[in-house]
Amino acid sequence: MLPVDNLLAFVITSAVIIVIPGPSVLFVLGRSIALGRRAGVLSVVGNSLGTIPAVVAVAFGVGAIVAASVTAFTIIKLAGAAYLIWLGIQAIRHRRDHTHELTPQASSTAALLSQGFIVGLTNPKTIAFFVAVLPQFVASAAGPIWAQLLLLGLTFQVMALTCDSVWALAAGTARNWFARSPRRVTTLTATGGTMMIGLGGTLALSGTRHA
């Protein structure tokens, strides 16, 4: 069983990391601004689900192999960046489709969850982060290492899910206010799409091993 002191230290460390906006937050903000609160929250859930395989991989040692392979790391990074850019382009292309709806419902729940899942799954920073951070809080004499790593990884996911949902709701609420004007919501949707394209480009051009 993971010592309480270790878990508490991990929670504090995770809280500091999570409150600093990173790629996941920017993705969620872009989705919420482009499509509204519902899409933003579902994107958060999908993104969180997409990072669970990384937690499992790290817990059973696969994550360290992927993080150590420049080729594998680069392929995953570029795939995730390309998908973000594609989502951004789609948001811009369809920015006028729902200017008369306060809360857009165009995309199905399954589609929004799957899109968020793919973004989370193809984010190489997730594996790199878990490989670098989780083992530091494991107690070798406290039981199976894999079980402790799973607990730490899932704890981080729950915390990130909560924080990112707040970002999604805040951005979605701001969008609803802008939605009173079709022109403003069109501009806001395009802005959200541009944010996703910019995020994808940044990830694609970032360093290979420490992106």
C-alpha atoms as a PDB file:
ATOM      1  CA  MET A   1       0.000   0.000   0.000  1.00  0.00           C
ATOM      2  CA  LEU A   2       1.347   3.408  -0.974  1.00  0.00           C
ATOM      3  CA  PRO A   3       2.303   5.412   2.159  1.00  0.00           C
ATOM      4  CA  VAL A   4       0.005   8.322   2.902  1.00  0.00           C
ATOM      5  CA  ASP A   5       2.956  10.737   3.022  1.00  0.00           C
ATOM      6  CA  ASN A   6       4.008   9.724  -0.494  1.00  0.00           C
ATOM      7  CA  LEU A   7       0.485  10.112  -1.824  1.00  0.00           C
ATOM      8  CA  LEU A   8       0.073  13.510  -0.172  1.00  0.00           C
ATOM      9  CA  ALA A   9       3.382  14.720  -1.602  1.00  0.00           C
ATOM     10  CA  PHE A  10       2.323  13.509  -5.039  1.00  0.00           C
ATOM     11  CA  VAL A  11      -1.045  15.288  -4.797  1.00  0.00           C
ATOM     12  CA  ILE A  12       0.682  18.563  -3.897  1.00  0.00           C
ATOM     13  CA  THR A  13       3.184  18.188  -6.736  1.00  0.00           C
ATOM     14  CA  SER A  14       0.430  17.294  -9.202  1.00  0.00           C
ATOM     15  CA  ALA A  15      -1.685  20.273  -8.142  1.00  0.00           C
ATOM     16  CA  VAL A  16       1.184  22.644  -8.912  1.00  0.00           C
ATOM     17  CA  ILE A  17       1.704  21.041 -12.330  1.00  0.00           C
ATOM     18  CA  ILE A  18      -1.994  20.877 -13.235  1.00  0.00           C
ATOM     19  CA  VAL A  19      -2.854  24.504 -12.464  1.00  0.00           C
ATOM     20  CA  ILE A  20      -0.239  25.662 -15.000  1.00  0.00           C
ATOM     21  CA  PRO A  21      -2.023  25.617 -18.398  1.00  0.00           C
ATOM     22  CA  GLY A  22      -0.440  23.155 -20.812  1.00  0.00           C
ATOM     23  CA  PRO A  23      -1.382  21.433 -24.094  1.00  0.00           C
ATOM     24  CA  SER A  24      -4.434  19.689 -22.620  1.00  0.00           C
ATOM     25  CA  VAL A  25      -5.829  22.947 -21.251  1.00  0.00           C
ATOM     26  CA  LEU A  26      -5.223  24.747 -24.544  1.00  0.00           C
ATOM     27  CA  PHE A  27      -6.972  21.928 -26.401  1.00  0.00           C
ATOM     28  CA  VAL A  28      -9.962  22.109 -24.060  1.00  0.00           C
ATOM     29  CA  LEU A  29     -10.130  25.894 -24.311  1.00  0.00           C
ATOM     30  CA  GLY A  30     -10.062  25.692 -28.087  1.00  0.00           C
ATOM     31  CA  ARG A  31     -12.869  23.122 -28.140  1.00  0.00           C
ATOM     32  CA  SER A  32     -15.004  25.038 -25.640  1.00  0.00           C
ATOM     33  CA  ILE A  33     -14.578  28.314 -27.476  1.00  0.00           C
ATOM     34  CA  ALA A  34     -15.286  26.680 -30.830  1.00  0.00           C
ATOM     35  CA  LEU A  35     -18.175  24.391 -29.846  1.00  0.00           C
ATOM     36  CA  GLY A  36     -19.429  25.335 -26.377  1.00  0.00           C
ATOM     37  CA  ARG A  37     -19.436  23.916 -22.846  1.00  0.00           C
ATOM     38  CA  ARG A  38     -20.835  20.498 -23.721  1.00  0.00           C
ATOM     39  CA  ALA A  39     -18.136  19.864 -26.302  1.00  0.00           C
ATOM     40  CA  GLY A  40     -15.479  21.196 -23.949  1.00  0.00           C
ATOM     41  CA  VAL A  41     -16.446  18.932 -21.038  1.00  0.00           C
ATOM     42  CA  LEU A  42     -16.791  15.871 -23.272  1.00  0.00           C
ATOM     43  CA  SER A  43     -13.388  16.667 -24.766  1.00  0.00           C
ATOM     44  CA  VAL A  44     -11.966  16.759 -21.237  1.00  0.00           C
ATOM     45  CA  VAL A  45     -13.450  13.341 -20.446  1.00  0.00           C
ATOM     46  CA  GLY A  46     -12.237  11.880 -23.741  1.00  0.00           C
ATOM     47  CA  ASN A  47      -8.777  13.350 -23.263  1.00  0.00           C
ATOM     48  CA  SER A  48      -8.554  11.847 -19.770  1.00  0.00           C
ATOM     49  CA  LEU A  49      -9.656   8.437 -21.022  1.00  0.00           C
ATOM     50  CA  GLY A  50      -7.053   8.658 -23.774  1.00  0.00           C
ATOM     51  CA  THR A  51      -4.240   9.046 -21.264  1.00  0.00           C
ATOM     52  CA  ILE A  52      -5.206   5.962 -19.233  1.00  0.00           C
ATOM     53  CA  PRO A  53      -3.312   3.624 -21.630  1.00  0.00           C
ATOM     54  CA  ALA A  54      -0.205   5.731 -20.887  1.00  0.00           C
ATOM     55  CA  VAL A  55      -0.693   5.171 -17.150  1.00  0.00           C
ATOM     56  CA  VAL A  56      -1.046   1.421 -17.712  1.00  0.00           C
ATOM     57  CA  ALA A  57       1.964   1.356 -20.049  1.00  0.00           C
ATOM     58  CA  VAL A  58       4.160   3.159 -17.548  1.00  0.00           C
ATOM     59  CA  ALA A  59       2.968   0.960 -14.674  1.00  0.00           C
ATOM     60  CA  PHE A  60       4.014  -2.169 -16.552  1.00  0.00           C
ATOM     61  CA  GLY A  61       7.249  -0.776 -17.962  1.00  0.00           C
ATOM     62  CA  VAL A  62       6.250  -0.140 -21.580  1.00  0.00           C
ATOM     63  CA  GLY A  63       6.193   3.620 -21.130  1.00  0.00           C
ATOM     64  CA  ALA A  64       9.905   3.764 -20.386  1.00  0.00           C
ATOM     65  CA  ILE A  65      10.637   1.933 -23.649  1.00  0.00           C
ATOM     66  CA  VAL A  66       8.518   4.333 -25.710  1.00  0.00           C
ATOM     67  CA  ALA A  67       9.971   7.395 -23.979  1.00  0.00           C
ATOM     68  CA  ALA A  68      13.492   6.105 -24.692  1.00  0.00           C
ATOM     69  CA  SER A  69      12.795   5.525 -28.398  1.00  0.00           C
ATOM     70  CA  VAL A  70      13.283   8.689 -30.459  1.00  0.00           C
ATOM     71  CA  THR A  71      11.469   7.163 -33.432  1.00  0.00           C
ATOM     72  CA  ALA A  72       8.415   5.979 -31.492  1.00  0.00           C
ATOM     73  CA  PHE A  73       8.219   9.229 -29.558  1.00  0.00           C
ATOM     74  CA  THR A  74       8.407  11.320 -32.747  1.00  0.00           C
ATOM     75  CA  ILE A  75       5.769   9.260 -34.576  1.00  0.00           C
ATOM     76  CA  ILE A  76       3.303   9.601 -31.711  1.00  0.00           C
ATOM     77  CA  LYS A  77       4.033  13.319 -31.408  1.00  0.00           C
ATOM     78  CA  LEU A  78       3.518  14.050 -35.110  1.00  0.00           C
ATOM     79  CA  ALA A  79       0.329  11.969 -35.254  1.00  0.00           C
ATOM     80  CA  GLY A  80      -1.137  13.906 -32.333  1.00  0.00           C
ATOM     81  CA  ALA A  81      -0.060  17.258 -33.790  1.00  0.00           C
ATOM     82  CA  ALA A  82      -1.613  16.438 -37.179  1.00  0.00           C
ATOM     83  CA  TYR A  83      -4.899  15.454 -35.557  1.00  0.00           C
ATOM     84  CA  LEU A  84      -5.051  18.703 -33.556  1.00  0.00           C
ATOM     85  CA  ILE A  85      -4.434  20.719 -36.716  1.00  0.00           C
ATOM     86  CA  TRP A  86      -7.188  18.790 -38.505  1.00  0.00           C
ATOM     87  CA  LEU A  87      -9.649  19.490 -35.672  1.00  0.00           C
ATOM     88  CA  GLY A  88      -8.752  23.177 -35.793  1.00  0.00           C
ATOM     89  CA  ILE A  89      -9.285  23.348 -39.549  1.00  0.00           C
ATOM     90  CA  GLN A  90     -12.668  21.646 -39.178  1.00  0.00           C
ATOM     91  CA  ALA A  91     -13.727  24.175 -36.538  1.00  0.00           C
ATOM     92  CA  ILE A  92     -12.799  27.073 -38.820  1.00  0.00           C
ATOM     93  CA  ARG A  93     -14.467  25.530 -41.877  1.00  0.00           C
ATOM     94  CA  HIS A  94     -17.759  25.017 -40.029  1.00  0.00           C
ATOM     95  CA  ARG A  95     -17.678  28.175 -37.919  1.00  0.00           C
ATOM     96  CA  ARG A  96     -20.962  29.469 -39.411  1.00  0.00           C
ATOM     97  CA  ASP A  97     -22.911  26.223 -39.056  1.00  0.00           C
ATOM     98  CA  HIS A  98     -24.376  26.973 -35.624  1.00  0.00           C
ATOM     99  CA  THR A  99     -24.308  30.696 -35.141  1.00  0.00           C
ATOM    100  CA  HIS A 100     -27.976  30.699 -34.107  1.00  0.00           C
ATOM    101  CA  GLU A 101     -27.568  28.075 -31.378  1.00  0.00           C
ATOM    102  CA  LEU A 102     -26.577  29.110 -27.905  1.00  0.00           C
ATOM    103  CA  THR A 103     -25.166  25.674 -27.111  1.00  0.00           C
ATOM    104  CA  PRO A 104     -24.147  23.738 -30.242  1.00  0.00           C
ATOM    105  CA  GLN A 105     -25.203  20.090 -30.364  1.00  0.00           C
ATOM    106  CA  ALA A 106     -23.862  19.277 -33.836  1.00  0.00           C
ATOM    107  CA  SER A 107     -21.321  16.681 -32.801  1.00  0.00           C
ATOM    108  CA  SER A 108     -22.506  13.500 -31.125  1.00  0.00           C
ATOM    109  CA  THR A 109     -21.317  12.540 -27.679  1.00  0.00           C
ATOM    110  CA  ALA A 110     -19.416   9.571 -29.096  1.00  0.00           C
ATOM    111  CA  ALA A 111     -17.647  11.761 -31.662  1.00  0.00           C
ATOM    112  CA  LEU A 112     -16.595  14.356 -29.099  1.00  0.00           C
ATOM    113  CA  LEU A 113     -15.368  11.691 -26.669  1.00  0.00           C
ATOM    114  CA  SER A 114     -13.462   9.833 -29.387  1.00  0.00           C
ATOM    115  CA  GLN A 115     -11.803  13.024 -30.634  1.00  0.00           C
ATOM    116  CA  GLY A 116     -10.669  13.896 -27.117  1.00  0.00           C
ATOM    117  CA  PHE A 117      -9.526  10.296 -26.625  1.00  0.00           C
ATOM    118  CA  ILE A 118      -7.316  10.401 -29.717  1.00  0.00           C
ATOM    119  CA  VAL A 119      -5.728  13.679 -28.607  1.00  0.00           C
ATOM    120  CA  GLY A 120      -4.968  12.213 -25.171  1.00  0.00           C
ATOM    121  CA  LEU A 121      -3.715   8.935 -26.612  1.00  0.00           C
ATOM    122  CA  THR A 122      -1.333  10.602 -29.070  1.00  0.00           C
ATOM    123  CA  ASN A 123       0.157  13.089 -26.611  1.00  0.00           C
ATOM    124  CA  PRO A 124       3.726  11.819 -26.029  1.00  0.00           C
ATOM    125  CA  LYS A 125       4.191  14.239 -23.157  1.00  0.00           C
ATOM    126  CA  THR A 126       1.859  12.080 -21.088  1.00  0.00           C
ATOM    127  CA  ILE A 127       4.137   9.038 -21.153  1.00  0.00           C
ATOM    128  CA  ALA A 128       7.243  11.196 -20.716  1.00  0.00           C
ATOM    129  CA  PHE A 129       5.692  12.913 -17.696  1.00  0.00           C
ATOM    130  CA  PHE A 130       4.551   9.700 -16.040  1.00  0.00           C
ATOM    131  CA  VAL A 131       7.904   8.001 -16.655  1.00  0.00           C
ATOM    132  CA  ALA A 132       9.781  10.930 -15.116  1.00  0.00           C
ATOM    133  CA  VAL A 133       7.501  11.724 -12.164  1.00  0.00           C
ATOM    134  CA  LEU A 134       5.529   8.714 -10.928  1.00  0.00           C
ATOM    135  CA  PRO A 135       8.480   6.505  -9.856  1.00  0.00           C
ATOM    136  CA  GLN A 136       9.737   9.256  -7.543  1.00  0.00           C
ATOM    137  CA  PHE A 137       6.782   8.716  -5.212  1.00  0.00           C
ATOM    138  CA  VAL A 138       6.849   4.916  -5.113  1.00  0.00           C
ATOM    139  CA  ALA A 139       7.868   3.100  -1.947  1.00  0.00           C
ATOM    140  CA  SER A 140       9.717  -0.124  -2.785  1.00  0.00           C
ATOM    141  CA  ALA A 141       8.688  -1.776   0.490  1.00  0.00           C
ATOM    142  CA  ALA A 142       5.014  -0.828   0.212  1.00  0.00           C
ATOM    143  CA  GLY A 143       3.809  -3.565  -2.119  1.00  0.00           C
ATOM    144  CA  PRO A 144       3.731  -4.147  -5.890  1.00  0.00           C
ATOM    145  CA  ILE A 145       5.350  -1.274  -7.789  1.00  0.00           C
ATOM    146  CA  TRP A 146       2.874  -1.540 -10.675  1.00  0.00           C
ATOM    147  CA  ALA A 147      -0.072  -1.106  -8.295  1.00  0.00           C
ATOM    148  CA  GLN A 148       1.463   2.024  -6.769  1.00  0.00           C
ATOM    149  CA  LEU A 149       2.175   3.485 -10.215  1.00  0.00           C
ATOM    150  CA  LEU A 150      -1.414   2.834 -11.291  1.00  0.00           C
ATOM    151  CA  LEU A 151      -2.763   4.519  -8.160  1.00  0.00           C
ATOM    152  CA  LEU A 152      -0.548   7.570  -8.675  1.00  0.00           C
ATOM    153  CA  GLY A 153      -1.386   7.824 -12.363  1.00  0.00           C
ATOM    154  CA  LEU A 154      -5.127   7.547 -11.830  1.00  0.00           C
ATOM    155  CA  THR A 155      -4.979  10.056  -8.966  1.00  0.00           C
ATOM    156  CA  PHE A 156      -3.324  12.531 -11.316  1.00  0.00           C
ATOM    157  CA  GLN A 157      -5.990  11.855 -13.937  1.00  0.00           C
ATOM    158  CA  VAL A 158      -8.851  12.569 -11.540  1.00  0.00           C
ATOM    159  CA  MET A 159      -7.238  15.839 -10.481  1.00  0.00           C
ATOM    160  CA  ALA A 160      -6.562  16.876 -14.079  1.00  0.00           C
ATOM    161  CA  LEU A 161     -10.110  15.940 -15.099  1.00  0.00           C
ATOM    162  CA  THR A 162     -11.549  18.199 -12.398  1.00  0.00           C
ATOM    163  CA  CYS A 163      -9.308  21.163 -13.208  1.00  0.00           C
ATOM    164  CA  ASP A 164      -9.715  20.885 -16.989  1.00  0.00           C
ATOM    165  CA  SER A 165     -13.494  20.670 -16.598  1.00  0.00           C
ATOM    166  CA  VAL A 166     -13.455  24.018 -14.812  1.00  0.00           C
ATOM    167  CA  TRP A 167     -11.514  25.517 -17.737  1.00  0.00           C
ATOM    168  CA  ALA A 168     -14.005  24.005 -20.183  1.00  0.00           C
ATOM    169  CA  LEU A 169     -17.035  25.360 -18.328  1.00  0.00           C
ATOM    170  CA  ALA A 170     -15.489  28.820 -17.991  1.00  0.00           C
ATOM    171  CA  ALA A 171     -14.554  29.037 -21.679  1.00  0.00           C
ATOM    172  CA  GLY A 172     -17.906  27.591 -22.746  1.00  0.00           C
ATOM    173  CA  THR A 173     -19.783  30.097 -20.617  1.00  0.00           C
ATOM    174  CA  ALA A 174     -17.828  32.948 -22.189  1.00  0.00           C
ATOM    175  CA  ARG A 175     -18.714  31.549 -25.603  1.00  0.00           C
ATOM    176  CA  ASN A 176     -22.417  31.500 -24.733  1.00  0.00           C
ATOM    177  CA  TRP A 177     -22.228  35.193 -23.917  1.00  0.00           C
ATOM    178  CA  PHE A 178     -20.556  35.919 -27.236  1.00  0.00           C
ATOM    179  CA  ALA A 179     -23.153  33.745 -28.973  1.00  0.00           C
ATOM    180  CA  ARG A 180     -25.748  36.484 -28.592  1.00  0.00           C
ATOM    181  CA  SER A 181     -24.191  37.905 -31.746  1.00  0.00           C
ATOM    182  CA  PRO A 182     -23.821  35.519 -34.739  1.00  0.00           C
ATOM    183  CA  ARG A 183     -20.840  37.507 -35.971  1.00  0.00           C
ATOM    184  CA  ARG A 184     -19.094  37.333 -32.628  1.00  0.00           C
ATOM    185  CA  VAL A 185     -19.641  33.589 -32.249  1.00  0.00           C
ATOM    186  CA  THR A 186     -18.316  33.007 -35.772  1.00  0.00           C
ATOM    187  CA  THR A 187     -15.171  34.916 -34.860  1.00  0.00           C
ATOM    188  CA  LEU A 188     -14.896  33.077 -31.543  1.00  0.00           C
ATOM    189  CA  THR A 189     -15.276  29.689 -33.212  1.00  0.00           C
ATOM    190  CA  ALA A 190     -12.541  30.581 -35.689  1.00  0.00           C
ATOM    191  CA  THR A 191     -10.368  31.683 -32.763  1.00  0.00           C
ATOM    192  CA  GLY A 192     -10.836  28.318 -31.068  1.00  0.00           C
ATOM    193  CA  GLY A 193      -9.900  26.536 -34.284  1.00  0.00           C
ATOM    194  CA  THR A 194      -6.824  28.723 -34.680  1.00  0.00           C
ATOM    195  CA  MET A 195      -5.764  27.878 -31.130  1.00  0.00           C
ATOM    196  CA  MET A 196      -5.911  24.159 -31.928  1.00  0.00           C
ATOM    197  CA  ILE A 197      -3.947  24.629 -35.154  1.00  0.00           C
ATOM    198  CA  GLY A 198      -1.339  26.662 -33.293  1.00  0.00           C
ATOM    199  CA  LEU A 199      -1.112  24.028 -30.565  1.00  0.00           C
ATOM    200  CA  GLY A 200      -0.675  21.275 -33.158  1.00  0.00           C
ATOM    201  CA  GLY A 201       2.051  23.238 -34.917  1.00  0.00           C
ATOM    202  CA  THR A 202       3.838  23.914 -31.648  1.00  0.00           C
ATOM    203  CA  LEU A 203       3.805  20.240 -30.703  1.00  0.00           C
ATOM    204  CA  ALA A 204       5.042  19.203 -34.152  1.00  0.00           C
ATOM    205  CA  LEU A 205       7.968  21.639 -34.045  1.00  0.00           C
ATOM    206  CA  SER A 206       8.939  21.054 -30.422  1.00  0.00           C
ATOM    207  CA  GLY A 207      11.986  19.022 -29.421  1.00  0.00           C
ATOM    208  CA  THR A 208      11.918  15.307 -30.093  1.00  0.00           C
ATOM    209  CA  ARG A 209      12.610  13.972 -26.629  1.00  0.00           C
ATOM    210  CA  HIS A 210      11.438  16.718 -24.342  1.00  0.00           C
ATOM    211  CA  ALA A 211       8.417  18.104 -26.209  1.00  0.00           C
END
